[in-house]
Amino acid sequence: MSDSAPRPFLKWAGGERQLLPRILALVPPRIGTYIEPFLGGGALFFALAAERRFKRAVLGDVNAELINCYSAVRDDVAGVIAKLARMRNTPTTYYRIRAQRPDGLDPIARAARVIYLNRCGYNGLYRVNSDGNFNVPFGRYTRPRICDPERLRAAAEALAGVELVCGDFNAVLSGARRRLGADDFVYLDPPYVPISKTASFTGYAGGFSMADQERLAKQLRRLSDKGIAAVLSNSDCPDTRRLYEGLPAASLPARRAINSVASRRGPVAELLVHTPALRAVADAASCYGAAP
């Protein structure tokens, strides 16, 4: 058992920690089922788990390595800790582990590999090449925390009983929508619409095109029509304003720490969109308004 509050154990591009206070203010105080189809680092999930706000959770992501990692931590955290404890932060070890084929490893070794590469790779990036092979270089950190037993045990406790789904957001939402009720809540944190030609996030497994952004916007509107409480975060740009026109939204500043170019890690404008089912919560929190 762990006495620590659950927190993310992976660094992840696009993670919503910068916006957590504003998002948490929008989340209903009591949730039946919490659904998050773009899990990534899981910052909001762990924050809600620490506050015991939900009864059940369904978490999904299209990245099979990510979902396996969470599943292994949930099901055998001691095994993951044991594997990580034997790994060392050296270029030789890093490139040997990076070269391993995940499909040739058991679930525990696959999970430990993801955590190790995340901790020791350059700037915590998750990036694969056209063949699907992880290709982030060695990070040259002096003393990275490769194995954090307390944090991993706390995460395992938070994940106990959680349903983990590897698949496209449509699959996660389509299955969840059949059982969603008035006390449930959905959070959508997709790869952001790029705000420049060089800002596209290519690390998302399979990519995420503007057509995917259109599909996601339709899903959020379906949730809105059904009276389901949902929040979506994305970049604040003309495309997202068009996609979510008519829904309550606010533009907020955030700072992105994970980027291969240091000059692009500064403040950016992000858009939080929510369904009308959350209007009363938003008004009570006094944290929301129409996007300008």
Protein backbone atom coordinates (compact mmCIF):
# COMPACT_ATOMS: atom_id res chain seq x y z
CA MET A 1 0.00 0.00 0.00
CA SER A 2 1.11 3.56 -0.65
CA ASP A 3 0.49 6.63 1.50
CA SER A 4 1.31 8.97 -1.42
CA ALA A 5 -1.34 10.75 -3.47
CA PRO A 6 -1.44 9.38 -7.03
CA ARG A 7 0.42 11.46 -9.60
CA PRO A 8 1.53 10.93 -13.22
CA PHE A 9 4.58 8.70 -13.55
CA LEU A 10 5.18 9.53 -17.23
CA LYS A 11 6.10 12.84 -18.85
CA TRP A 12 3.86 13.32 -21.87
CA ALA A 13 3.64 15.99 -24.56
CA GLY A 14 0.36 17.90 -24.35
CA GLY A 15 -0.20 16.86 -20.74
CA GLU A 16 -2.90 18.99 -19.13
CA ARG A 17 -1.15 19.75 -15.83
CA GLN A 18 -0.85 23.46 -16.74
CA LEU A 19 -4.64 23.71 -17.00
CA LEU A 20 -5.51 21.41 -14.11
CA PRO A 21 -6.91 24.04 -11.71
CA ARG A 22 -9.25 25.42 -14.37
CA ILE A 23 -10.33 21.97 -15.55
CA LEU A 24 -10.88 20.69 -12.01
CA ALA A 25 -13.12 23.69 -11.33
CA LEU A 26 -15.35 22.51 -14.18
CA VAL A 27 -15.53 18.85 -13.17
CA PRO A 28 -18.62 17.87 -11.17
CA PRO A 29 -17.82 17.14 -7.51
CA ARG A 30 -19.20 13.60 -7.80
CA ILE A 31 -18.83 11.47 -10.93
CA GLY A 32 -20.33 8.09 -11.69
CA THR A 33 -18.06 7.05 -14.59
CA TYR A 34 -15.06 9.08 -15.72
CA ILE A 35 -14.07 8.57 -19.38
CA GLU A 36 -10.80 9.78 -20.92
CA PRO A 37 -10.06 8.52 -24.48
CA PHE A 38 -6.69 10.34 -24.86
CA LEU A 39 -4.96 9.19 -21.68
CA GLY A 40 -1.37 10.32 -22.25
CA GLY A 41 0.20 11.14 -18.87
CA GLY A 42 -3.17 10.97 -17.09
CA ALA A 43 -2.75 14.17 -15.04
CA LEU A 44 -6.49 14.81 -14.69
CA PHE A 45 -7.27 11.17 -13.96
CA PHE A 46 -4.75 11.02 -11.13
CA ALA A 47 -5.93 14.35 -9.70
CA LEU A 48 -9.54 13.13 -9.67
CA ALA A 49 -8.47 9.78 -8.21
CA ALA A 50 -6.64 11.60 -5.39
CA GLU A 51 -9.89 13.42 -4.59
CA ARG A 52 -11.96 10.22 -4.98
CA ARG A 53 -14.35 12.06 -7.29
CA PHE A 54 -15.43 9.09 -9.45
CA LYS A 55 -16.83 5.61 -8.82
CA ARG A 56 -15.57 4.05 -12.05
CA ALA A 57 -13.17 5.03 -14.83
CA VAL A 58 -12.67 4.07 -18.47
CA LEU A 59 -9.31 5.21 -19.86
CA GLY A 60 -8.21 4.78 -23.44
CA ASP A 61 -5.47 5.62 -25.89
CA VAL A 62 -4.51 4.47 -29.37
CA ASN A 63 -0.89 3.94 -28.22
CA ALA A 64 -0.59 0.23 -27.41
CA GLU A 65 2.68 0.69 -25.49
CA LEU A 66 1.10 3.33 -23.29
CA ILE A 67 -1.97 1.23 -22.47
CA ASN A 68 0.20 -1.82 -21.79
CA CYS A 69 2.29 0.30 -19.43
CA TYR A 70 -0.73 1.39 -17.40
CA SER A 71 -2.12 -2.16 -17.41
CA ALA A 72 1.16 -3.60 -16.13
CA VAL A 73 1.43 -1.00 -13.37
CA ARG A 74 -2.19 -1.72 -12.40
CA ASP A 75 -1.80 -5.52 -12.44
CA ASP A 76 1.81 -6.12 -11.30
CA VAL A 77 3.42 -2.97 -10.00
CA ALA A 78 5.97 -4.99 -8.00
CA GLY A 79 7.16 -6.64 -11.20
CA VAL A 80 7.53 -3.28 -12.96
CA ILE A 81 9.46 -1.84 -10.00
CA ALA A 82 11.79 -4.85 -9.94
CA LYS A 83 12.58 -4.44 -13.64
CA LEU A 84 13.19 -0.69 -13.36
CA ALA A 85 15.44 -1.11 -10.32
CA ARG A 86 17.96 -2.98 -12.48
CA MET A 87 18.15 -0.34 -15.23
CA ARG A 88 20.94 2.21 -15.40
CA ASN A 89 21.20 5.67 -16.99
CA THR A 90 24.04 5.11 -19.46
CA PRO A 91 24.12 5.59 -23.24
CA THR A 92 24.95 1.90 -23.74
CA THR A 93 22.01 0.75 -21.63
CA TYR A 94 19.67 3.32 -23.16
CA TYR A 95 20.35 2.40 -26.78
CA ARG A 96 20.23 -1.32 -25.99
CA ILE A 97 16.80 -0.95 -24.39
CA ARG A 98 15.61 1.44 -27.11
CA ALA A 99 16.53 -1.16 -29.76
CA GLN A 100 14.40 -3.87 -28.15
CA ARG A 101 11.29 -4.92 -30.06
CA PRO A 102 8.30 -4.43 -27.72
CA ASP A 103 6.40 -7.33 -29.28
CA GLY A 104 9.22 -9.63 -28.17
CA LEU A 105 8.89 -8.65 -24.51
CA ASP A 106 6.44 -9.73 -21.82
CA PRO A 107 3.98 -7.04 -20.58
CA ILE A 108 6.06 -6.19 -17.50
CA ALA A 109 9.29 -5.74 -19.46
CA ARG A 110 7.42 -3.69 -22.10
CA ALA A 111 6.06 -1.39 -19.38
CA ALA A 112 9.46 -0.96 -17.73
CA ARG A 113 10.96 -0.14 -21.13
CA VAL A 114 8.43 2.66 -21.71
CA ILE A 115 9.04 4.18 -18.28
CA TYR A 116 12.82 3.90 -18.62
CA LEU A 117 12.91 5.52 -22.08
CA ASN A 118 10.54 8.23 -20.84
CA ARG A 119 12.81 9.01 -17.89
CA CYS A 120 16.15 8.81 -19.70
CA GLY A 121 15.29 9.94 -23.24
CA TYR A 122 15.76 13.48 -24.47
CA ASN A 123 13.26 15.87 -22.84
CA GLY A 124 10.76 13.09 -22.05
CA LEU A 125 9.60 12.91 -25.66
CA TYR A 126 7.64 10.00 -27.08
CA ARG A 127 8.39 9.80 -30.78
CA VAL A 128 8.45 6.97 -33.30
CA ASN A 129 9.66 6.84 -36.90
CA SER A 130 7.72 5.71 -39.98
CA ASP A 131 8.39 2.08 -39.05
CA GLY A 132 6.92 2.59 -35.58
CA ASN A 133 10.30 2.37 -33.83
CA PHE A 134 11.02 4.65 -30.87
CA ASN A 135 13.80 7.03 -31.98
CA VAL A 136 14.32 9.63 -29.23
CA PRO A 137 18.05 10.08 -28.42
CA PHE A 138 19.66 9.65 -25.02
CA GLY A 139 18.80 12.53 -22.70
CA ARG A 140 22.09 12.93 -20.82
CA TYR A 141 20.37 13.62 -17.50
CA THR A 142 22.74 13.43 -14.55
CA ARG A 143 20.52 11.50 -12.12
CA PRO A 144 17.05 10.79 -13.52
CA ARG A 145 14.59 9.04 -11.21
CA ILE A 146 14.28 5.83 -13.21
CA CYS A 147 12.48 3.88 -10.50
CA ASP A 148 10.06 5.69 -8.16
CA PRO A 149 8.42 2.89 -6.15
CA GLU A 150 6.10 5.11 -4.08
CA ARG A 151 4.75 6.96 -7.10
CA LEU A 152 4.25 3.70 -9.00
CA ARG A 153 2.46 2.04 -6.08
CA ALA A 154 0.19 5.06 -5.66
CA ALA A 155 -0.59 4.94 -9.39
CA ALA A 156 -1.34 1.22 -9.16
CA GLU A 157 -3.85 1.85 -6.38
CA ALA A 158 -5.54 4.58 -8.40
CA LEU A 159 -5.72 2.28 -11.44
CA ALA A 160 -7.19 -0.67 -9.51
CA GLY A 161 -10.49 -1.63 -11.11
CA VAL A 162 -10.08 0.89 -13.95
CA GLU A 163 -11.02 -0.27 -17.47
CA LEU A 164 -8.16 0.35 -19.91
CA VAL A 165 -8.93 0.37 -23.64
CA CYS A 166 -6.44 0.45 -26.51
CA GLY A 167 -8.16 2.05 -29.45
CA ASP A 168 -9.27 5.12 -31.33
CA PHE A 169 -11.26 7.72 -29.39
CA ASN A 170 -14.33 6.80 -31.43
CA ALA A 171 -14.18 3.23 -30.15
CA VAL A 172 -13.81 4.36 -26.54
CA LEU A 173 -16.62 6.92 -26.77
CA SER A 174 -18.95 4.74 -28.82
CA GLY A 175 -18.79 2.02 -26.20
CA ALA A 176 -19.06 4.46 -23.33
CA ARG A 177 -21.95 6.46 -24.80
CA ARG A 178 -24.28 3.48 -24.56
CA ARG A 179 -23.91 3.48 -20.80
CA LEU A 180 -23.34 7.16 -20.02
CA GLY A 181 -25.71 8.90 -17.66
CA ALA A 182 -26.30 12.31 -16.13
CA ASP A 183 -23.67 11.74 -13.41
CA ASP A 184 -20.84 10.78 -15.80
CA PHE A 185 -18.03 12.96 -17.14
CA VAL A 186 -15.83 12.87 -20.27
CA TYR A 187 -12.50 14.62 -20.72
CA LEU A 188 -10.97 14.95 -24.20
CA ASP A 189 -7.32 16.00 -24.56
CA PRO A 190 -6.42 15.16 -28.18
CA PRO A 191 -3.22 16.00 -30.04
CA TYR A 192 -3.64 19.72 -30.55
CA VAL A 193 -4.43 21.40 -33.84
CA PRO A 194 -1.02 22.75 -34.95
CA ILE A 195 -0.68 26.51 -34.71
CA SER A 196 2.18 26.59 -37.23
CA LYS A 197 3.54 24.41 -40.04
CA THR A 198 6.28 23.10 -37.73
CA ALA A 199 4.15 22.53 -34.63
CA SER A 200 2.37 19.34 -35.67
CA PHE A 201 2.57 16.65 -32.99
CA THR A 202 3.77 13.56 -34.87
CA GLY A 203 4.35 11.35 -31.84
CA TYR A 204 0.71 10.31 -31.60
CA ALA A 205 0.41 6.72 -32.85
CA GLY A 206 -1.03 6.76 -36.35
CA GLY A 207 -1.03 10.57 -36.48
CA PHE A 208 -4.00 12.85 -35.90
CA SER A 209 -5.24 14.73 -38.94
CA MET A 210 -7.67 17.58 -39.36
CA ALA A 211 -10.23 14.97 -40.44
CA ASP A 212 -9.73 13.34 -37.02
CA GLN A 213 -10.23 16.73 -35.37
CA GLU A 214 -13.51 17.06 -37.30
CA ARG A 215 -14.63 13.60 -36.13
CA LEU A 216 -13.80 14.51 -32.56
CA ALA A 217 -15.76 17.76 -32.75
CA LYS A 218 -18.79 15.77 -33.95
CA GLN A 219 -18.40 13.40 -31.00
CA LEU A 220 -18.33 16.30 -28.54
CA ARG A 221 -21.49 17.72 -30.11
CA ARG A 222 -23.17 14.32 -29.78
CA LEU A 223 -22.28 14.29 -26.10
CA SER A 224 -23.66 17.81 -25.83
CA ASP A 225 -26.93 16.78 -27.49
CA LYS A 226 -27.30 13.91 -25.02
CA GLY A 227 -26.77 16.20 -22.03
CA ILE A 228 -23.46 14.57 -21.04
CA ALA A 229 -20.93 16.62 -19.07
CA ALA A 230 -17.70 16.90 -21.08
CA VAL A 231 -14.64 19.14 -21.38
CA LEU A 232 -12.19 19.34 -24.28
CA SER A 233 -8.82 21.10 -24.46
CA ASN A 234 -7.06 22.10 -27.67
CA SER A 235 -4.96 24.88 -29.13
CA ASP A 236 -6.65 28.24 -29.48
CA CYS A 237 -6.58 28.96 -33.21
CA PRO A 238 -9.05 29.71 -36.02
CA ASP A 239 -9.56 26.01 -36.79
CA THR A 240 -10.59 25.12 -33.24
CA ARG A 241 -12.82 28.20 -32.98
CA ARG A 242 -14.56 26.97 -36.13
CA LEU A 243 -14.84 23.37 -34.94
CA TYR A 244 -16.42 24.28 -31.60
CA GLU A 245 -18.36 27.39 -32.53
CA GLY A 246 -21.51 27.70 -30.43
CA LEU A 247 -20.22 25.71 -27.45
CA PRO A 248 -19.12 27.47 -24.24
CA ALA A 249 -15.36 28.06 -24.41
CA ALA A 250 -12.54 30.07 -22.88
CA SER A 251 -9.03 30.94 -24.02
CA LEU A 252 -6.38 30.31 -21.36
CA PRO A 253 -2.59 30.70 -21.25
CA ALA A 254 -0.46 27.61 -20.66
CA ARG A 255 3.21 26.75 -20.88
CA ARG A 256 4.39 23.70 -22.79
CA ALA A 257 7.57 22.19 -21.33
CA ILE A 258 8.05 19.29 -23.77
CA ASN A 259 9.24 20.38 -27.19
CA SER A 260 12.32 19.47 -29.19
CA VAL A 261 12.94 23.20 -29.78
CA ALA A 262 13.56 25.08 -26.52
CA SER A 263 12.28 28.39 -27.90
CA ARG A 264 8.83 26.83 -28.40
CA ARG A 265 8.35 25.84 -24.78
CA GLY A 266 6.91 29.18 -23.72
CA PRO A 267 3.33 30.35 -23.12
CA VAL A 268 0.70 29.37 -25.66
CA ALA A 269 -3.03 30.04 -25.83
CA GLU A 270 -5.24 27.01 -25.24
CA LEU A 271 -8.96 26.62 -25.67
CA LEU A 272 -11.16 24.86 -23.12
CA VAL A 273 -14.55 23.86 -24.48
CA HIS A 274 -17.36 22.31 -22.46
CA THR A 275 -20.85 21.01 -23.05
CA PRO A 276 -23.85 23.01 -21.77
CA ALA A 277 -24.44 20.31 -19.14
CA LEU A 278 -21.56 21.90 -17.21
CA ARG A 279 -22.83 25.48 -17.44
CA ALA A 280 -24.08 25.54 -13.85
CA VAL A 281 -20.72 24.23 -12.59
CA ALA A 282 -18.86 26.77 -14.72
CA ASP A 283 -21.03 29.65 -13.52
CA ALA A 284 -20.59 28.60 -9.89
CA ALA A 285 -16.82 28.40 -10.32
CA SER A 286 -16.75 31.83 -11.98
CA CYS A 287 -13.94 30.51 -14.16
CA TYR A 288 -15.53 30.42 -17.55
CA GLY A 289 -16.96 32.62 -20.20
CA ALA A 290 -17.40 32.81 -23.91
CA ALA A 291 -14.21 32.75 -25.88
CA PRO A 292 -13.49 36.15 -27.43
